[in-house]
Amino acid sequence: MTAAVKGPASYFPSIEKKYGRPIAEWKDLIRASPLTRHMELVAWLKSEYGLGHGHANALVAHTLAER
């Protein structure tokens, strides 16, 4: 039996379905951005790509945690 995904990654299936891009592509965009602060990146994803706050926040949190 597999454990349920928790935390930011729990949003990933709905992000891919709603916005039509794989998570790896979103993470690449975040890493390539000149912005470095969490909320700056969230605001950028919301304004440039139309992501909702929760989805943008989950992507940024997960990506920045990998650094």
N, C-alpha and C. Protein backbone atom coordinates (compact mmCIF):
# COMPACT_ATOMS: atom_id res chain seq x y z
N MET A 1 0.84 -1.17 0.00
CA MET A 1 0.00 0.00 0.00
C MET A 1 0.89 1.24 0.00
N THR A 2 0.59 2.23 -0.84
CA THR A 2 1.40 3.44 -0.90
C THR A 2 0.81 4.51 0.01
N ALA A 3 1.70 5.30 0.58
CA ALA A 3 1.26 6.38 1.47
C ALA A 3 0.72 7.54 0.63
N ALA A 4 -0.24 8.24 1.18
CA ALA A 4 -0.80 9.40 0.48
C ALA A 4 0.25 10.51 0.42
N VAL A 5 0.28 11.19 -0.70
CA VAL A 5 1.21 12.31 -0.87
C VAL A 5 0.70 13.47 -0.03
N LYS A 6 1.61 14.10 0.72
CA LYS A 6 1.24 15.22 1.57
C LYS A 6 2.07 16.43 1.21
N GLY A 7 1.72 17.57 1.75
CA GLY A 7 2.47 18.79 1.52
C GLY A 7 2.23 19.35 0.14
N PRO A 8 3.17 20.19 -0.32
CA PRO A 8 3.00 20.85 -1.62
C PRO A 8 2.78 19.89 -2.78
N ALA A 9 3.43 18.73 -2.73
CA ALA A 9 3.32 17.78 -3.84
C ALA A 9 1.89 17.25 -4.01
N SER A 10 1.07 17.37 -2.98
CA SER A 10 -0.31 16.89 -3.11
C SER A 10 -1.10 17.71 -4.13
N TYR A 11 -0.64 18.89 -4.45
CA TYR A 11 -1.29 19.75 -5.45
C TYR A 11 -0.89 19.40 -6.89
N PHE A 12 0.19 18.67 -7.06
CA PHE A 12 0.76 18.47 -8.39
C PHE A 12 -0.20 17.87 -9.41
N PRO A 13 -0.96 16.83 -9.10
CA PRO A 13 -1.88 16.31 -10.13
C PRO A 13 -2.89 17.35 -10.63
N SER A 14 -3.43 18.14 -9.72
CA SER A 14 -4.41 19.14 -10.14
C SER A 14 -3.75 20.29 -10.90
N ILE A 15 -2.50 20.63 -10.57
CA ILE A 15 -1.78 21.67 -11.30
C ILE A 15 -1.55 21.23 -12.74
N GLU A 16 -1.09 20.01 -12.92
CA GLU A 16 -0.85 19.50 -14.28
C GLU A 16 -2.14 19.45 -15.08
N LYS A 17 -3.22 19.02 -14.45
CA LYS A 17 -4.50 18.91 -15.15
C LYS A 17 -5.06 20.29 -15.51
N LYS A 18 -5.01 21.22 -14.58
CA LYS A 18 -5.62 22.53 -14.80
C LYS A 18 -4.83 23.40 -15.77
N TYR A 19 -3.49 23.37 -15.67
CA TYR A 19 -2.67 24.29 -16.45
C TYR A 19 -1.95 23.65 -17.63
N GLY A 20 -2.03 22.32 -17.75
CA GLY A 20 -1.54 21.64 -18.94
C GLY A 20 -0.04 21.54 -19.11
N ARG A 21 0.71 21.75 -18.05
CA ARG A 21 2.17 21.61 -18.11
C ARG A 21 2.60 20.61 -17.04
N PRO A 22 3.63 19.82 -17.34
CA PRO A 22 4.14 18.92 -16.31
C PRO A 22 4.85 19.71 -15.20
N ILE A 23 4.90 19.14 -14.03
CA ILE A 23 5.52 19.80 -12.88
C ILE A 23 6.99 20.13 -13.16
N ALA A 24 7.69 19.26 -13.85
CA ALA A 24 9.09 19.52 -14.16
C ALA A 24 9.25 20.82 -14.94
N GLU A 25 8.33 21.11 -15.82
CA GLU A 25 8.39 22.34 -16.60
C GLU A 25 8.17 23.57 -15.71
N TRP A 26 7.21 23.49 -14.80
CA TRP A 26 6.98 24.59 -13.86
C TRP A 26 8.22 24.83 -13.00
N LYS A 27 8.83 23.74 -12.53
CA LYS A 27 10.03 23.88 -11.70
C LYS A 27 11.18 24.49 -12.49
N ASP A 28 11.31 24.12 -13.75
CA ASP A 28 12.35 24.71 -14.60
C ASP A 28 12.13 26.22 -14.76
N LEU A 29 10.88 26.63 -14.94
CA LEU A 29 10.57 28.06 -15.04
C LEU A 29 10.95 28.79 -13.76
N ILE A 30 10.63 28.21 -12.63
CA ILE A 30 10.94 28.83 -11.34
C ILE A 30 12.45 28.94 -11.17
N ARG A 31 13.17 27.88 -11.48
CA ARG A 31 14.64 27.90 -11.33
C ARG A 31 15.29 28.91 -12.28
N ALA A 32 14.71 29.09 -13.46
CA ALA A 32 15.28 30.01 -14.46
C ALA A 32 14.94 31.47 -14.18
N SER A 33 13.99 31.71 -13.32
CA SER A 33 13.58 33.07 -13.02
C SER A 33 14.69 33.81 -12.27
N PRO A 34 14.86 35.09 -12.55
CA PRO A 34 15.84 35.87 -11.79
C PRO A 34 15.38 36.15 -10.36
N LEU A 35 14.10 35.93 -10.10
CA LEU A 35 13.56 36.14 -8.76
C LEU A 35 14.03 35.03 -7.82
N THR A 36 14.20 35.35 -6.55
CA THR A 36 14.68 34.36 -5.59
C THR A 36 13.80 34.23 -4.36
N ARG A 37 13.03 35.24 -4.06
CA ARG A 37 12.21 35.20 -2.84
C ARG A 37 10.89 34.48 -3.10
N HIS A 38 10.45 33.75 -2.09
CA HIS A 38 9.25 32.91 -2.21
C HIS A 38 8.05 33.70 -2.74
N MET A 39 7.68 34.76 -2.05
CA MET A 39 6.46 35.47 -2.45
C MET A 39 6.61 36.22 -3.77
N GLU A 40 7.81 36.61 -4.13
CA GLU A 40 8.03 37.21 -5.45
C GLU A 40 7.75 36.18 -6.54
N LEU A 41 8.23 34.97 -6.33
CA LEU A 41 8.00 33.90 -7.30
C LEU A 41 6.52 33.53 -7.38
N VAL A 42 5.85 33.49 -6.25
CA VAL A 42 4.41 33.20 -6.24
C VAL A 42 3.66 34.26 -7.03
N ALA A 43 3.95 35.52 -6.75
CA ALA A 43 3.28 36.62 -7.46
C ALA A 43 3.56 36.56 -8.96
N TRP A 44 4.79 36.22 -9.33
CA TRP A 44 5.17 36.11 -10.73
C TRP A 44 4.38 35.00 -11.44
N LEU A 45 4.28 33.84 -10.82
CA LEU A 45 3.52 32.74 -11.42
C LEU A 45 2.05 33.11 -11.58
N LYS A 46 1.52 33.82 -10.60
CA LYS A 46 0.12 34.23 -10.66
C LYS A 46 -0.11 35.25 -11.77
N SER A 47 0.78 36.23 -11.89
CA SER A 47 0.56 37.29 -12.88
C SER A 47 0.93 36.85 -14.30
N GLU A 48 2.01 36.10 -14.45
CA GLU A 48 2.47 35.71 -15.79
C GLU A 48 1.77 34.49 -16.36
N TYR A 49 1.36 33.57 -15.50
CA TYR A 49 0.81 32.30 -15.97
C TYR A 49 -0.61 32.01 -15.49
N GLY A 50 -1.16 32.90 -14.68
CA GLY A 50 -2.54 32.75 -14.24
C GLY A 50 -2.78 31.67 -13.22
N LEU A 51 -1.74 31.24 -12.51
CA LEU A 51 -1.92 30.23 -11.49
C LEU A 51 -2.65 30.81 -10.29
N GLY A 52 -3.40 29.96 -9.62
CA GLY A 52 -4.02 30.36 -8.37
C GLY A 52 -2.95 30.43 -7.29
N HIS A 53 -3.27 31.11 -6.20
CA HIS A 53 -2.29 31.30 -5.13
C HIS A 53 -1.81 29.97 -4.54
N GLY A 54 -2.71 29.07 -4.25
CA GLY A 54 -2.32 27.79 -3.65
C GLY A 54 -1.42 26.96 -4.56
N HIS A 55 -1.74 26.94 -5.83
CA HIS A 55 -0.93 26.18 -6.78
C HIS A 55 0.45 26.81 -6.94
N ALA A 56 0.50 28.12 -7.08
CA ALA A 56 1.78 28.81 -7.21
C ALA A 56 2.63 28.62 -5.95
N ASN A 57 2.00 28.74 -4.80
CA ASN A 57 2.69 28.57 -3.54
C ASN A 57 3.27 27.17 -3.40
N ALA A 58 2.50 26.17 -3.78
CA ALA A 58 2.96 24.78 -3.68
C ALA A 58 4.17 24.54 -4.60
N LEU A 59 4.11 25.04 -5.80
CA LEU A 59 5.22 24.87 -6.75
C LEU A 59 6.49 25.54 -6.23
N VAL A 60 6.36 26.76 -5.76
CA VAL A 60 7.51 27.51 -5.28
C VAL A 60 8.09 26.85 -4.02
N ALA A 61 7.23 26.49 -3.09
CA ALA A 61 7.71 25.87 -1.85
C ALA A 61 8.47 24.58 -2.14
N HIS A 62 7.93 23.75 -3.00
CA HIS A 62 8.57 22.48 -3.31
C HIS A 62 9.90 22.69 -4.05
N THR A 63 9.91 23.63 -4.97
CA THR A 63 11.11 23.91 -5.75
C THR A 63 12.22 24.50 -4.88
N LEU A 64 11.87 25.47 -4.05
CA LEU A 64 12.88 26.11 -3.20
C LEU A 64 13.41 25.15 -2.13
N ALA A 65 12.59 24.21 -1.71
CA ALA A 65 13.03 23.22 -0.71
C ALA A 65 14.10 22.29 -1.26
N GLU A 66 14.18 22.19 -2.58
CA GLU A 66 15.17 21.32 -3.21
C GLU A 66 16.57 21.94 -3.24
N ARG A 67 16.64 23.24 -3.03
CA ARG A 67 17.96 23.92 -3.09
C ARG A 67 18.85 23.53 -1.96
